[in-house]
Structure formats: C-alpha cells, structure tokens
Amino acid sequence: MRKDKSPPPEEPAPPDDHEAVSGVQSVRRTMAVLRLVACGQEQGVRVSDIAAMSGLSRPTVHRLLKVLVQETAVEQDPLTRRYLIGPELALLGLARASRFPIRTIAEPFLRALAEQIGDAVFISVRHGADSVCIGRYLGHHGIQV
C-alpha cells in the first residue's frame, strides 16, 4: 500500500515492432560487413567493394565501418584506405580458443608433417557449407602457399 498520493511510476514502453526489426537489421548488416572485411584478410577491403558485395549503400557501409573502427573491431589502413579486421575481434576470438581443442592436439603432428614434406600444412574445420582454416604450419621450401 502506497502512503503518498502520487501515481505509480510508469514503466518504459516496449519498443514497437519497427524499432525491434530495425535493431535486428542493424546487427545483421554489421555482421555482413564484418564477414566481408574478414574476407579481405591482410589486403583489406574498400568501402565500394563492401557496398557492392553486401548490396548495402555506400553511406550505410561507411556509417557501420565508422562505428566498428571506433570500437576497434575494424581498422583502416592509412595508406590504402582499406578496412581490415581489428584487434578487438581477435581478442574476442581468443575467448573461445578452447572451442578448437583439435588444433592443440594436432599441432605437433602438423608441425612434424610440414617439416617432413617441406610444404605448408593446414588444419580446417567445417563451418556450414564452408571450411575455416584454424591453423597453418610452414615447411622449409622457399615458395609457400
């Protein structure tokens, strides 16, 4: 029972469907941009390429990249102006290194194989219809893949 006569405090209104859908859409777009930046590996990716591959407009891609750079999830090479995966994502990925115990188990065998054959050896895991390389071990040949 309330002692004062003031009305009970109002609870914040839940977001309408448009806001909820808009938030989900932003997350999906951001993840698509991150995946495309990751595809650029060490060469990086241009805004125009991300826009073309994602189907998003250049201004949308630029806004998403700006926030991702601020969060250090993405970085921009000052010389080429291309975008690369940033240190924050690498740190987040390390939080689940135990997700791939096969890498730790296979490492001494893969190193020995790379040394024996002299070529690069890779270990990959399935990710949907794709495979993701989780380890690379170099041999002694002068030309490496």
Protein backbone atom coordinates (compact mmCIF):
# COMPACT_ATOMS: atom_id res chain seq x y z
CA MET A 1 0.00 0.00 0.00
CA ARG A 2 1.34 3.41 -1.02
CA LYS A 3 1.39 6.16 1.59
CA ASP A 4 1.66 9.08 -0.80
CA LYS A 5 -1.00 10.04 -3.31
CA SER A 6 1.29 10.28 -6.33
CA PRO A 7 0.58 7.95 -9.26
CA PRO A 8 2.80 4.87 -9.57
CA PRO A 9 5.88 5.37 -11.75
CA GLU A 10 5.35 4.45 -15.38
CA GLU A 11 7.37 1.64 -16.87
CA PRO A 12 9.16 2.42 -20.12
CA ALA A 13 7.17 1.47 -23.17
CA PRO A 14 8.49 -1.59 -25.02
CA PRO A 15 9.96 -0.82 -28.42
CA ASP A 16 7.48 -1.05 -31.25
CA ASP A 17 7.92 -3.68 -33.93
CA HIS A 18 9.65 -1.23 -36.25
CA GLU A 19 12.35 -0.45 -33.66
CA ALA A 20 12.88 -4.12 -32.90
CA VAL A 21 13.13 -5.03 -36.58
CA SER A 22 15.42 -2.06 -37.20
CA GLY A 23 17.76 -3.18 -34.39
CA VAL A 24 17.91 -6.73 -35.73
CA GLN A 25 18.50 -5.41 -39.24
CA SER A 26 21.42 -3.29 -37.99
CA VAL A 27 23.02 -6.29 -36.33
CA ARG A 28 22.62 -8.40 -39.47
CA ARG A 29 24.09 -5.65 -41.64
CA THR A 30 27.01 -5.20 -39.25
CA MET A 31 27.75 -8.92 -39.24
CA ALA A 32 27.63 -8.99 -43.05
CA VAL A 33 30.11 -6.10 -43.19
CA LEU A 34 32.41 -7.82 -40.67
CA ARG A 35 32.38 -11.03 -42.71
CA LEU A 36 33.28 -9.13 -45.87
CA VAL A 37 36.08 -7.25 -44.11
CA ALA A 38 37.40 -10.58 -42.82
CA CYS A 39 37.48 -11.91 -46.40
CA GLY A 40 39.99 -9.18 -47.22
CA GLN A 41 42.48 -10.73 -44.79
CA GLU A 42 45.75 -8.75 -44.81
CA GLN A 43 44.98 -6.88 -48.05
CA GLY A 44 41.87 -5.19 -46.68
CA VAL A 45 38.66 -4.24 -48.45
CA ARG A 46 37.44 -0.95 -49.91
CA VAL A 47 34.11 0.63 -48.94
CA SER A 48 32.93 0.38 -52.55
CA ASP A 49 33.70 -3.36 -52.62
CA ILE A 50 31.83 -3.95 -49.35
CA ALA A 51 28.85 -2.00 -50.67
CA ALA A 52 28.82 -3.95 -53.95
CA MET A 53 29.17 -7.35 -52.28
CA SER A 54 26.66 -6.67 -49.49
CA GLY A 55 24.04 -4.83 -51.51
CA LEU A 56 24.12 -2.01 -48.94
CA SER A 57 24.54 1.62 -49.93
CA ARG A 58 27.95 3.24 -49.58
CA PRO A 59 26.71 5.66 -46.89
CA THR A 60 25.30 2.75 -44.84
CA VAL A 61 28.54 0.79 -45.15
CA HIS A 62 30.55 3.89 -44.24
CA ARG A 63 28.43 4.54 -41.12
CA LEU A 64 28.77 0.93 -39.96
CA LEU A 65 32.53 0.95 -40.57
CA LYS A 66 32.90 4.22 -38.69
CA VAL A 67 31.36 2.68 -35.56
CA LEU A 68 33.34 -0.55 -35.99
CA VAL A 69 36.57 1.47 -36.21
CA GLN A 70 35.62 3.38 -33.04
CA GLU A 71 35.08 0.03 -31.30
CA THR A 72 38.41 -1.30 -32.73
CA ALA A 73 36.56 -4.23 -34.33
CA VAL A 74 37.81 -2.92 -37.69
CA GLU A 75 40.79 -0.77 -38.58
CA GLN A 76 41.58 1.28 -41.64
CA ASP A 77 44.98 1.20 -43.30
CA PRO A 78 46.02 4.87 -43.54
CA LEU A 79 47.89 4.34 -46.82
CA THR A 80 45.45 2.20 -48.80
CA ARG A 81 42.26 3.36 -47.01
CA ARG A 82 41.19 -0.31 -46.97
CA TYR A 83 39.49 -1.87 -43.97
CA LEU A 84 40.84 -4.85 -42.04
CA ILE A 85 39.67 -6.85 -39.02
CA GLY A 86 40.77 -5.04 -35.87
CA PRO A 87 42.30 -6.17 -32.59
CA GLU A 88 39.02 -6.29 -30.69
CA LEU A 89 37.72 -9.18 -32.79
CA ALA A 90 40.97 -11.07 -32.39
CA LEU A 91 40.70 -10.71 -28.62
CA LEU A 92 37.07 -11.81 -28.65
CA GLY A 93 38.03 -14.87 -30.67
CA LEU A 94 40.71 -15.83 -28.14
CA ALA A 95 38.00 -16.09 -25.50
CA ARG A 96 36.90 -19.32 -27.23
CA ALA A 97 40.26 -20.83 -28.15
CA SER A 98 39.20 -23.97 -26.30
CA ARG A 99 36.42 -24.30 -28.88
CA PHE A 100 39.01 -25.93 -31.14
CA PRO A 101 40.89 -28.43 -28.95
CA ILE A 102 41.69 -30.39 -32.11
CA ARG A 103 44.17 -27.67 -33.03
CA THR A 104 46.15 -28.21 -29.83
CA ILE A 105 46.05 -31.99 -30.25
CA ALA A 106 47.06 -31.89 -33.93
CA GLU A 107 49.74 -29.19 -33.66
CA PRO A 108 52.81 -31.39 -33.00
CA PHE A 109 51.81 -33.78 -35.81
CA LEU A 110 51.14 -30.99 -38.28
CA ARG A 111 54.44 -29.26 -37.46
CA ALA A 112 56.29 -32.55 -37.98
CA LEU A 113 54.46 -33.17 -41.26
CA ALA A 114 55.26 -29.66 -42.52
CA GLU A 115 58.91 -30.19 -41.66
CA GLN A 116 58.98 -33.66 -43.25
CA ILE A 117 57.37 -32.69 -46.56
CA GLY A 118 58.71 -29.14 -46.57
CA ASP A 119 55.41 -27.63 -47.62
CA ALA A 120 52.69 -25.74 -45.79
CA VAL A 121 50.14 -27.80 -43.84
CA PHE A 122 46.72 -26.54 -42.82
CA ILE A 123 44.02 -27.65 -40.41
CA SER A 124 40.46 -26.60 -41.16
CA VAL A 125 37.08 -27.06 -39.51
CA ARG A 126 33.66 -27.14 -41.10
CA HIS A 127 31.50 -24.03 -40.78
CA GLY A 128 28.17 -24.63 -42.51
CA ALA A 129 28.94 -25.23 -46.18
CA ASP A 130 32.41 -23.67 -45.80
CA SER A 131 35.64 -24.62 -44.11
CA VAL A 132 37.64 -22.29 -41.89
CA CYS A 133 41.40 -22.62 -41.51
CA ILE A 134 42.26 -22.66 -37.79
CA GLY A 135 45.96 -23.41 -38.16
CA ARG A 136 48.82 -23.13 -40.64
CA TYR A 137 52.24 -24.67 -40.26
CA LEU A 138 55.02 -23.77 -42.69
CA GLY A 139 57.63 -26.14 -44.06
CA HIS A 140 61.10 -25.25 -45.29
CA HIS A 141 60.50 -24.81 -49.04
CA GLY A 142 61.35 -21.36 -50.34
CA ILE A 143 57.95 -20.99 -52.01
CA GLN A 144 55.00 -21.31 -49.65
CA VAL A 145 51.31 -21.35 -50.44
